[in-house]
Amino acid sequence: MIIYGSKDCPDTMACLAALDAQGTAYDFRDIGELPVLKEFLHYCDSEAVFAPVRTSGGIGIPLIVGDNGSLTLG
């Protein structure tokens, strides 16, 4: 599981804390790093799950990419 987010985002930090409490393994990718931001923006620009985020002007983090490729906005 991959989590895209920011350490400055309370929603991201709550998501990570919940996963830690459950003992769930994940790979955290901070969108504050340029290569990671490029990966994240690819999802934002191309995936239907981001349609409501695009229309509301939000960011869409945390983004959870499941091991099966599923996308969930947390």
Protein backbone atom coordinates (compact mmCIF):
# COMPACT_ATOMS: atom_id res chain seq x y z
CA MET A 1 0.00 0.00 0.00
CA ILE A 2 1.23 3.47 -0.90
CA ILE A 3 0.07 6.62 0.87
CA TYR A 4 0.57 9.95 -0.90
CA GLY A 5 0.24 12.92 1.39
CA SER A 6 1.96 15.62 3.38
CA LYS A 7 3.28 15.71 6.91
CA ASP A 8 1.68 19.18 7.14
CA CYS A 9 -1.80 17.76 6.41
CA PRO A 10 -3.88 16.74 9.44
CA ASP A 11 -5.89 14.26 7.34
CA THR A 12 -2.71 12.56 6.15
CA MET A 13 -1.31 12.34 9.66
CA ALA A 14 -4.59 10.90 10.99
CA CYS A 15 -4.56 8.29 8.21
CA LEU A 16 -0.97 7.29 9.00
CA ALA A 17 -1.74 7.10 12.73
CA ALA A 18 -4.73 4.83 12.08
CA LEU A 19 -2.64 2.54 9.88
CA ASP A 20 0.12 2.45 12.48
CA ALA A 21 -2.41 1.59 15.21
CA GLN A 22 -3.67 -1.31 13.10
CA GLY A 23 -0.14 -2.48 12.35
CA THR A 24 -0.70 -2.03 8.63
CA ALA A 25 2.43 -1.73 6.48
CA TYR A 26 2.58 1.13 3.99
CA ASP A 27 4.99 3.18 1.92
CA PHE A 28 4.51 6.89 2.70
CA ARG A 29 5.33 9.29 -0.13
CA ASP A 30 5.49 12.98 0.75
CA ILE A 31 4.16 15.16 -2.07
CA GLY A 32 6.48 17.92 -0.88
CA GLU A 33 9.25 16.13 -2.78
CA LEU A 34 9.24 17.00 -6.50
CA PRO A 35 9.51 13.46 -7.94
CA VAL A 36 6.70 12.30 -5.63
CA LEU A 37 4.59 15.34 -6.51
CA LYS A 38 4.90 14.40 -10.20
CA GLU A 39 3.68 10.85 -9.43
CA PHE A 40 0.75 12.24 -7.41
CA LEU A 41 -0.22 14.77 -10.09
CA HIS A 42 -0.41 11.98 -12.64
CA TYR A 43 -3.15 10.39 -10.53
CA CYS A 44 -4.87 13.76 -10.02
CA ASP A 45 -4.95 14.49 -13.73
CA SER A 46 -6.00 11.07 -14.97
CA GLU A 47 -8.09 9.20 -12.41
CA ALA A 48 -11.87 9.49 -12.07
CA VAL A 49 -11.71 9.33 -8.26
CA PHE A 50 -10.26 12.87 -8.38
CA ALA A 51 -13.18 14.40 -10.33
CA PRO A 52 -14.94 15.77 -7.20
CA VAL A 53 -11.62 17.07 -5.88
CA ARG A 54 -10.89 18.88 -9.13
CA THR A 55 -14.30 20.58 -9.14
CA SER A 56 -14.10 21.58 -5.46
CA GLY A 57 -10.57 22.93 -5.70
CA GLY A 58 -9.20 20.46 -3.15
CA ILE A 59 -5.92 18.58 -3.15
CA GLY A 60 -7.04 14.99 -2.60
CA ILE A 61 -4.68 13.80 0.10
CA PRO A 62 -4.16 11.41 1.53
CA LEU A 63 -4.35 9.20 -1.54
CA ILE A 64 -4.21 5.50 -0.76
CA VAL A 65 -3.04 3.21 -3.55
CA GLY A 66 -3.89 -0.37 -2.65
CA ASP A 67 -1.71 -3.34 -3.46
CA ASN A 68 -4.26 -4.21 -6.16
CA GLY A 69 -4.02 -0.70 -7.68
CA SER A 70 -7.28 0.57 -6.17
CA LEU A 71 -7.40 4.28 -5.35
CA THR A 72 -9.04 5.71 -2.25
CA LEU A 73 -9.06 9.28 -1.08
CA GLY A 74 -8.69 9.12 2.68
